[in-house]
Amino acid sequence: MIETEQANIQSSAHVDAAITAPNCAIQIVSMVHPSPVEFTHNEPHHTIAMQRQRKQSFSTGRYLIDGAEKRFEDIGRIMVIPANVPLQVRAEGGPTQAIRCIFSQDAYARITGLDELVHPNEMVGCLDVKSPRITDTLARLANEAEAPGFASRVLAESLGTSLMVEIARYVNDLQPRSTIQRGGLARRTHRQIIEYVETQNGTPSLSDLALLTGLSRRHLSRAFKQTTGQTIYDYVEQVRFNRASSMLADTDLLIKDIAFKLGFTCSSSFSVAFRRACGETPKSFRKRMRPGAPEETDTMRKAAAQIKS
């Protein structure tokens, strides 16, 4: 069993919620760092972490392997820290909150059949993990840690096991770094796009982002794909549906109000798009994430409309 106190958390951190299961430990951790800050993570167990605050805290990092000093690379919302591999981080500081899933090397090997989490040559790809399934699983774990329900440890164990498999699949599909970085965006431009997309309501268009960065739409599309491995459209949609998932799980906003906030013209088009992206309707997603929450009724919708008017 993983002991949560063994996770090497910085002294400034506070564990807001936690679940300990046989093969994994789940923590929601809040931290406040001075600005700027540099520190080194050295976890005794494999750790997957996802930032939860809306505005991403920008940071760079490098894994310290066999004493070799690699260049610092951008850290995304989700990162993986393999056991006993130091990760040197430079961050802009300020408050952050993260969901962390921690599991032992033995548990990972037993469940996936793999002796190592990631080969050193592919490790840099774990600083910025982009996977809707991993994002959704971590969000469900965070929701369960904050509001434990019946058989909470059993659910955490099941989701933790699924997360190990998804990480193994993600690592297996990692592209060589050289095929992604050549001809890509400048780091400052990449951050500018991320900050803009993640803080805007609605859906920024390619033209909006081209105007923001001063690049042509064609060059921006090509450079973004080379830098991140995904298209701008896919990235914007990923952010939009991550935001939708958060609002459905963490707020009492009506589904139609969430739809309008995200740039949809009506709740039905939002429901169709959400189901296509996430495999279920917004209503069923909210019910699964918040089993005790009251379901929307016509009376609730009319009351909300009267308040607005």
Protein backbone atom coordinates (compact mmCIF):
# COMPACT_ATOMS: atom_id res chain seq x y z
CA MET A 1 0.00 0.00 0.00
CA ILE A 2 1.22 3.52 -0.82
CA GLU A 3 1.61 5.72 2.21
CA THR A 4 0.57 9.24 1.23
CA GLU A 5 3.06 10.92 3.52
CA GLN A 6 5.88 9.31 1.53
CA ALA A 7 5.08 11.50 -1.47
CA ASN A 8 7.85 14.08 -1.65
CA ILE A 9 5.73 17.23 -1.49
CA GLN A 10 7.34 20.64 -1.04
CA SER A 11 7.20 22.03 2.48
CA SER A 12 4.94 24.89 1.31
CA ALA A 13 2.26 22.44 0.16
CA HIS A 14 -1.00 21.60 1.88
CA VAL A 15 -2.88 18.36 1.24
CA ASP A 16 -6.52 19.43 0.89
CA ALA A 17 -7.94 15.93 0.36
CA ALA A 18 -6.61 12.40 -0.03
CA ILE A 19 -7.60 8.79 -0.63
CA THR A 20 -5.25 5.87 -0.06
CA ALA A 21 -6.00 2.64 -1.95
CA PRO A 22 -4.00 -0.62 -2.13
CA ASN A 23 -2.12 0.25 -5.34
CA CYS A 24 -2.29 4.04 -5.45
CA ALA A 25 -2.72 7.21 -3.43
CA ILE A 26 -4.70 10.25 -4.53
CA GLN A 27 -3.96 13.75 -3.25
CA ILE A 28 -5.26 17.22 -3.93
CA VAL A 29 -2.41 19.54 -3.06
CA SER A 30 -2.33 23.35 -2.82
CA MET A 31 0.95 25.23 -3.01
CA VAL A 32 2.08 28.84 -2.90
CA HIS A 33 5.57 29.50 -4.25
CA PRO A 34 7.48 32.78 -4.30
CA SER A 35 7.99 34.32 -7.71
CA PRO A 36 10.09 33.11 -9.42
CA VAL A 37 11.10 29.80 -7.85
CA GLU A 38 13.37 26.87 -8.63
CA PHE A 39 13.16 23.48 -6.92
CA THR A 40 13.69 19.77 -7.55
CA HIS A 41 11.06 17.02 -7.31
CA ASN A 42 12.44 13.59 -6.40
CA GLU A 43 9.55 11.20 -5.91
CA PRO A 44 10.01 7.73 -4.38
CA HIS A 45 6.99 6.50 -6.40
CA HIS A 46 5.67 7.14 -9.91
CA THR A 47 3.58 10.33 -9.79
CA ILE A 48 1.12 11.88 -12.25
CA ALA A 49 0.07 15.46 -11.51
CA MET A 50 -2.46 17.80 -13.12
CA GLN A 51 -2.88 21.51 -12.42
CA ARG A 52 -6.47 22.33 -11.50
CA GLN A 53 -6.57 26.13 -11.37
CA ARG A 54 -8.11 27.73 -14.47
CA LYS A 55 -5.07 29.81 -15.43
CA GLN A 56 -2.13 27.51 -15.98
CA SER A 57 1.01 28.31 -14.00
CA PHE A 58 3.85 28.46 -16.50
CA SER A 59 6.98 26.52 -15.64
CA THR A 60 9.85 24.69 -17.30
CA GLY A 61 11.62 21.55 -16.21
CA ARG A 62 14.22 18.95 -17.02
CA TYR A 63 14.77 15.42 -15.79
CA LEU A 64 18.23 14.86 -14.29
CA ILE A 65 19.39 11.51 -15.68
CA ASP A 66 22.90 10.16 -15.05
CA GLY A 67 24.17 13.64 -14.27
CA ALA A 68 23.44 14.90 -17.79
CA GLU A 69 22.10 18.46 -17.97
CA LYS A 70 19.40 18.71 -20.62
CA ARG A 71 17.74 21.96 -21.64
CA PHE A 72 14.62 23.11 -19.80
CA GLU A 73 11.34 22.31 -21.57
CA ASP A 74 7.82 23.67 -21.03
CA ILE A 75 5.68 21.85 -18.46
CA GLY A 76 2.01 21.49 -19.35
CA ARG A 77 -1.08 20.99 -17.20
CA ILE A 78 -0.32 17.28 -16.79
CA MET A 79 3.12 15.85 -16.13
CA VAL A 80 4.58 12.51 -15.11
CA ILE A 81 7.43 12.15 -12.61
CA PRO A 82 8.98 8.66 -12.76
CA ALA A 83 10.12 7.22 -9.43
CA ASN A 84 13.61 8.25 -8.31
CA VAL A 85 14.21 10.50 -11.32
CA PRO A 86 14.90 14.07 -10.12
CA LEU A 87 12.93 16.76 -11.94
CA GLN A 88 14.36 20.27 -11.76
CA VAL A 89 11.63 22.91 -12.11
CA ARG A 90 11.68 26.64 -12.73
CA ALA A 91 8.30 28.28 -12.18
CA GLU A 92 6.80 31.75 -12.21
CA GLY A 93 5.44 31.18 -8.70
CA GLY A 94 2.10 32.00 -7.15
CA PRO A 95 -0.75 29.75 -5.96
CA THR A 96 -1.41 26.42 -7.65
CA GLN A 97 -3.55 23.37 -6.94
CA ALA A 98 -2.89 19.92 -8.35
CA ILE A 99 -4.41 16.45 -8.30
CA ARG A 100 -1.70 13.82 -7.85
CA CYS A 101 -1.97 10.08 -8.43
CA ILE A 102 0.91 8.16 -6.85
CA PHE A 103 1.66 4.48 -7.43
CA SER A 104 4.59 2.18 -6.75
CA GLN A 105 6.92 0.69 -9.33
CA ASP A 106 5.78 -2.79 -8.28
CA ALA A 107 2.11 -1.91 -8.81
CA TYR A 108 2.83 -0.43 -12.25
CA ALA A 109 4.86 -3.48 -13.30
CA ARG A 110 2.21 -5.88 -12.02
CA ILE A 111 -0.68 -4.12 -13.78
CA THR A 112 0.98 -3.16 -17.08
CA GLY A 113 3.66 -5.85 -17.37
CA LEU A 114 6.29 -3.12 -17.91
CA ASP A 115 9.44 -2.79 -15.82
CA GLU A 116 9.89 0.94 -16.43
CA LEU A 117 7.43 3.78 -16.75
CA VAL A 118 9.23 5.50 -19.62
CA HIS A 119 12.55 5.14 -21.43
CA PRO A 120 15.00 7.99 -20.69
CA ASN A 121 15.04 8.99 -24.38
CA GLU A 122 11.28 9.60 -24.31
CA MET A 123 11.08 11.15 -20.85
CA VAL A 124 10.83 14.75 -22.05
CA GLY A 125 7.45 13.89 -23.59
CA CYS A 126 6.10 13.32 -20.07
CA LEU A 127 6.47 16.99 -19.10
CA ASP A 128 3.38 17.93 -21.11
CA VAL A 129 0.92 15.05 -21.33
CA LYS A 130 -2.00 15.66 -23.69
CA SER A 131 -4.66 12.98 -23.39
CA PRO A 132 -8.42 13.55 -22.90
CA ARG A 133 -8.73 10.14 -21.21
CA ILE A 134 -5.97 10.87 -18.71
CA THR A 135 -7.46 14.32 -18.09
CA ASP A 136 -10.92 12.87 -17.46
CA THR A 137 -9.61 10.14 -15.15
CA LEU A 138 -7.65 12.62 -13.06
CA ALA A 139 -10.70 14.90 -12.88
CA ARG A 140 -12.85 12.01 -11.64
CA LEU A 141 -10.23 11.13 -9.03
CA ALA A 142 -10.14 14.75 -7.86
CA ASN A 143 -13.93 14.83 -7.58
CA GLU A 144 -13.93 11.61 -5.56
CA ALA A 145 -11.19 12.86 -3.23
CA GLU A 146 -13.09 16.10 -2.55
CA ALA A 147 -16.48 14.43 -2.09
CA PRO A 148 -16.00 10.73 -1.25
CA GLY A 149 -19.01 8.55 -1.93
CA PHE A 150 -19.91 4.92 -1.32
CA ALA A 151 -16.93 2.55 -1.80
CA SER A 152 -14.66 5.51 -2.44
CA ARG A 153 -11.43 3.54 -2.04
CA VAL A 154 -12.67 0.87 -4.45
CA LEU A 155 -13.48 3.50 -7.07
CA ALA A 156 -10.12 5.22 -6.55
CA GLU A 157 -8.35 1.89 -6.98
CA SER A 158 -10.25 1.19 -10.20
CA LEU A 159 -9.58 4.64 -11.64
CA GLY A 160 -5.94 4.49 -10.55
CA THR A 161 -5.53 1.18 -12.37
CA SER A 162 -7.12 2.66 -15.50
CA LEU A 163 -4.76 5.63 -15.23
CA MET A 164 -1.71 3.35 -15.16
CA VAL A 165 -2.88 1.65 -18.36
CA GLU A 166 -3.61 4.98 -20.06
CA ILE A 167 -0.15 6.29 -19.12
CA ALA A 168 1.46 3.11 -20.49
CA ARG A 169 -0.43 3.59 -23.78
CA TYR A 170 0.47 7.27 -23.92
CA VAL A 171 4.17 6.60 -23.36
CA ASN A 172 4.11 3.83 -25.97
CA ASP A 173 2.78 6.31 -28.54
CA LEU A 174 5.24 9.13 -27.76
CA GLN A 175 6.83 10.61 -30.87
CA PRO A 176 10.57 11.25 -30.95
CA ARG A 177 11.21 14.79 -29.81
CA SER A 178 13.06 15.68 -33.01
CA THR A 179 9.97 15.08 -35.15
CA ILE A 180 7.92 17.55 -33.11
CA GLN A 181 10.25 20.43 -32.32
CA ARG A 182 11.84 21.26 -35.67
CA GLY A 183 10.35 24.46 -37.11
CA GLY A 184 7.96 24.87 -34.19
CA LEU A 185 6.77 27.88 -32.20
CA ALA A 186 8.99 30.03 -30.04
CA ARG A 187 8.41 29.22 -26.37
CA ARG A 188 7.06 32.72 -25.68
CA THR A 189 4.53 32.40 -28.52
CA HIS A 190 3.44 28.95 -27.37
CA ARG A 191 2.82 30.26 -23.85
CA GLN A 192 0.98 33.27 -25.23
CA ILE A 193 -1.44 30.98 -27.08
CA ILE A 194 -1.98 28.71 -24.06
CA GLU A 195 -2.70 31.62 -21.74
CA TYR A 196 -5.09 33.23 -24.20
CA VAL A 197 -7.06 30.07 -24.98
CA GLU A 198 -7.33 28.96 -21.35
CA THR A 199 -8.57 32.33 -20.06
CA GLN A 200 -11.07 33.18 -22.82
CA ASN A 201 -14.73 32.30 -22.80
CA GLY A 202 -16.03 30.94 -26.07
CA THR A 203 -13.80 29.50 -28.76
CA PRO A 204 -10.90 31.56 -30.15
CA SER A 205 -10.57 31.12 -33.91
CA LEU A 206 -7.40 30.50 -35.88
CA SER A 207 -7.68 34.10 -37.12
CA ASP A 208 -7.87 35.35 -33.51
CA LEU A 209 -4.70 33.46 -32.59
CA ALA A 210 -2.89 34.56 -35.75
CA LEU A 211 -3.70 38.19 -34.90
CA LEU A 212 -2.55 37.62 -31.31
CA THR A 213 0.81 36.17 -32.32
CA GLY A 214 1.46 38.21 -35.46
CA LEU A 215 1.85 35.04 -37.55
CA SER A 216 0.01 33.99 -40.68
CA ARG A 217 -2.70 31.41 -40.17
CA ARG A 218 -0.85 28.89 -42.31
CA HIS A 219 2.46 29.32 -40.49
CA LEU A 220 0.78 29.28 -37.08
CA SER A 221 -1.09 26.05 -37.88
CA ARG A 222 2.04 24.30 -39.10
CA ALA A 223 4.28 25.53 -36.26
CA PHE A 224 1.73 24.69 -33.56
CA LYS A 225 1.36 21.14 -34.87
CA GLN A 226 5.14 20.71 -34.98
CA THR A 227 5.50 22.01 -31.42
CA THR A 228 2.66 20.13 -29.73
CA GLY A 229 1.81 17.19 -31.98
CA GLN A 230 -1.83 18.31 -32.26
CA THR A 231 -3.73 20.84 -34.37
CA ILE A 232 -4.87 24.19 -33.02
CA TYR A 233 -8.49 23.13 -33.51
CA ASP A 234 -7.98 19.95 -31.47
CA TYR A 235 -6.21 21.92 -28.72
CA VAL A 236 -8.93 24.59 -28.50
CA GLU A 237 -11.64 21.92 -28.40
CA GLN A 238 -9.74 20.00 -25.71
CA VAL A 239 -9.55 23.13 -23.55
CA ARG A 240 -13.21 23.91 -24.17
CA PHE A 241 -14.41 20.47 -23.15
CA ASN A 242 -12.06 20.35 -20.16
CA ARG A 243 -13.69 23.61 -19.06
CA ALA A 244 -17.13 22.15 -19.73
CA SER A 245 -16.30 19.10 -17.62
CA SER A 246 -15.11 21.31 -14.76
CA MET A 247 -18.25 23.47 -14.82
CA LEU A 248 -20.52 20.43 -14.95
CA ALA A 249 -18.69 18.75 -12.07
CA ASP A 250 -17.90 21.74 -9.86
CA THR A 251 -20.75 24.25 -10.32
CA ASP A 252 -24.54 24.38 -10.23
CA LEU A 253 -24.78 26.32 -13.51
CA LEU A 254 -27.57 25.20 -15.80
CA ILE A 255 -26.40 23.24 -18.82
CA LYS A 256 -27.70 25.91 -21.20
CA ASP A 257 -25.70 28.58 -19.33
CA ILE A 258 -22.56 26.46 -19.59
CA ALA A 259 -23.24 26.08 -23.31
CA PHE A 260 -23.47 29.86 -23.81
CA LYS A 261 -20.31 30.49 -21.76
CA LEU A 262 -18.44 28.10 -24.03
CA GLY A 263 -19.64 29.75 -27.23
CA PHE A 264 -22.46 27.38 -28.25
CA THR A 265 -25.63 28.91 -29.65
CA CYS A 266 -27.92 26.50 -27.80
CA SER A 267 -27.79 23.72 -25.24
CA SER A 268 -28.72 21.04 -27.79
CA SER A 269 -25.67 21.76 -29.98
CA PHE A 270 -23.51 21.70 -26.84
CA SER A 271 -24.98 18.34 -25.82
CA VAL A 272 -24.29 16.83 -29.24
CA ALA A 273 -20.71 18.13 -29.29
CA PHE A 274 -20.05 17.06 -25.69
CA ARG A 275 -21.33 13.56 -26.36
CA ARG A 276 -19.19 13.28 -29.48
CA ALA A 277 -16.08 14.42 -27.57
CA CYS A 278 -16.65 12.69 -24.22
CA GLY A 279 -18.88 9.72 -25.01
CA GLU A 280 -21.84 10.81 -22.86
CA THR A 281 -24.27 13.70 -22.53
CA PRO A 282 -23.59 16.66 -20.21
CA LYS A 283 -26.50 15.54 -18.05
CA SER A 284 -25.17 11.99 -17.58
CA PHE A 285 -21.63 13.29 -17.03
CA ARG A 286 -22.83 15.62 -14.25
CA LYS A 287 -24.86 12.83 -12.68
CA ARG A 288 -21.83 10.52 -12.70
CA MET A 289 -19.49 13.16 -11.28
CA ARG A 290 -22.00 14.50 -8.73
CA PRO A 291 -24.33 11.65 -7.84
CA GLY A 292 -26.01 13.63 -5.08
CA ALA A 293 -26.65 16.81 -7.08
CA PRO A 294 -30.28 17.68 -7.94
CA GLU A 295 -31.25 17.15 -11.57
CA GLU A 296 -32.28 20.13 -13.69
CA THR A 297 -36.01 20.66 -14.03
CA ASP A 298 -38.15 23.08 -16.04
CA THR A 299 -38.91 24.89 -12.78
CA MET A 300 -35.20 25.41 -12.08
CA ARG A 301 -34.62 26.68 -15.62
CA LYS A 302 -37.56 29.11 -15.41
CA ALA A 303 -36.39 30.37 -12.02
CA ALA A 304 -32.90 30.99 -13.38
CA ALA A 305 -34.37 32.88 -16.34
CA GLN A 306 -36.49 35.07 -14.03
CA ILE A 307 -33.45 35.94 -11.91
CA LYS A 308 -31.53 37.04 -15.01
CA SER A 309 -34.43 39.14 -16.28
